[in-house]
Amino acid sequence: MTSPAVADVQNKSVAFEGTTYSIQELGPDTFTVLVKGVPVGRIVYTFGAANGVPEGDGVQEALDAVAEAWFAATA
């Protein structure tokens, strides 16, 4: 079973499955997600739902979890 993602709004990060994702605002409800300074995708809140948009393969599930945790913590 996957552990839940945990948002740290003060430090602009989300921890999920041993990885810390840094969050940088691009605009209203749109953020870039970085791991160790490297962009891995974006998270957006549209039409009442949090969504992850990966830059490459293999991070969709993580970005969805990061998006849900981030937007729930900042609502």
Protein backbone atom coordinates (compact mmCIF):
# COMPACT_ATOMS: atom_id res chain seq x y z
CA MET A 1 0.00 0.00 0.00
CA THR A 2 1.25 3.45 -0.90
CA SER A 3 1.77 5.98 1.88
CA PRO A 4 -0.01 9.31 1.45
CA ALA A 5 1.80 12.36 0.11
CA VAL A 6 2.49 15.00 2.78
CA ALA A 7 2.56 18.68 1.83
CA ASP A 8 4.77 21.21 3.64
CA VAL A 9 3.35 24.54 2.49
CA GLN A 10 5.85 26.63 4.46
CA ASN A 11 8.81 24.94 2.71
CA LYS A 12 6.96 24.63 -0.62
CA SER A 13 7.45 20.88 -0.87
CA VAL A 14 5.61 17.57 -0.87
CA ALA A 15 7.10 14.30 0.40
CA PHE A 16 5.91 11.12 -1.30
CA GLU A 17 7.41 7.62 -1.16
CA GLY A 18 10.83 8.80 0.00
CA THR A 19 11.15 11.64 -2.51
CA THR A 20 10.80 15.34 -1.75
CA TYR A 21 9.19 17.33 -4.54
CA SER A 22 9.84 21.09 -4.56
CA ILE A 23 6.94 23.26 -5.68
CA GLN A 24 7.40 26.55 -7.59
CA GLU A 25 4.47 28.73 -8.55
CA LEU A 26 4.00 29.55 -12.23
CA GLY A 27 0.63 31.27 -11.94
CA PRO A 28 -2.73 30.89 -10.27
CA ASP A 29 -3.26 27.18 -9.56
CA THR A 30 -0.29 26.17 -11.74
CA PHE A 31 3.03 24.99 -10.30
CA THR A 32 6.27 23.41 -11.52
CA VAL A 33 7.41 20.32 -9.61
CA LEU A 34 11.14 19.68 -9.20
CA VAL A 35 13.22 16.87 -7.74
CA LYS A 36 16.72 17.99 -6.73
CA GLY A 37 16.34 21.07 -8.94
CA VAL A 38 15.27 19.13 -12.04
CA PRO A 39 11.73 19.72 -13.36
CA VAL A 40 9.68 16.52 -13.45
CA GLY A 41 6.34 18.06 -14.36
CA ARG A 42 3.59 20.46 -13.40
CA ILE A 43 0.59 20.35 -11.14
CA VAL A 44 -2.57 22.27 -11.97
CA TYR A 45 -5.96 22.74 -10.38
CA THR A 46 -8.68 22.95 -13.02
CA PHE A 47 -12.40 22.30 -13.04
CA GLY A 48 -12.32 21.34 -9.35
CA ALA A 49 -9.64 18.67 -9.69
CA ALA A 50 -5.92 18.45 -8.94
CA ASN A 51 -3.90 17.03 -11.86
CA GLY A 52 -0.29 16.13 -12.46
CA VAL A 53 1.28 16.69 -15.89
CA PRO A 54 4.61 14.81 -16.23
CA GLU A 55 7.60 15.99 -18.22
CA GLY A 56 8.63 12.41 -18.90
CA ASP A 57 7.71 8.81 -18.18
CA GLY A 58 7.19 7.14 -14.84
CA VAL A 59 6.03 10.00 -12.61
CA GLN A 60 2.30 10.27 -13.36
CA GLU A 61 1.14 8.51 -10.19
CA ALA A 62 3.56 10.52 -8.06
CA LEU A 63 2.52 13.83 -9.63
CA ASP A 64 -1.15 13.06 -9.11
CA ALA A 65 -0.46 12.34 -5.42
CA VAL A 66 1.68 15.49 -5.12
CA ALA A 67 -1.06 17.58 -6.77
CA GLU A 68 -3.77 16.24 -4.49
CA ALA A 69 -1.70 16.80 -1.34
CA TRP A 70 -0.56 20.29 -2.38
CA PHE A 71 -3.95 21.63 -3.36
CA ALA A 72 -5.64 20.08 -0.30
CA ALA A 73 -3.07 21.77 1.96
CA THR A 74 -3.39 25.16 0.26
CA ALA A 75 -7.19 25.24 -0.08
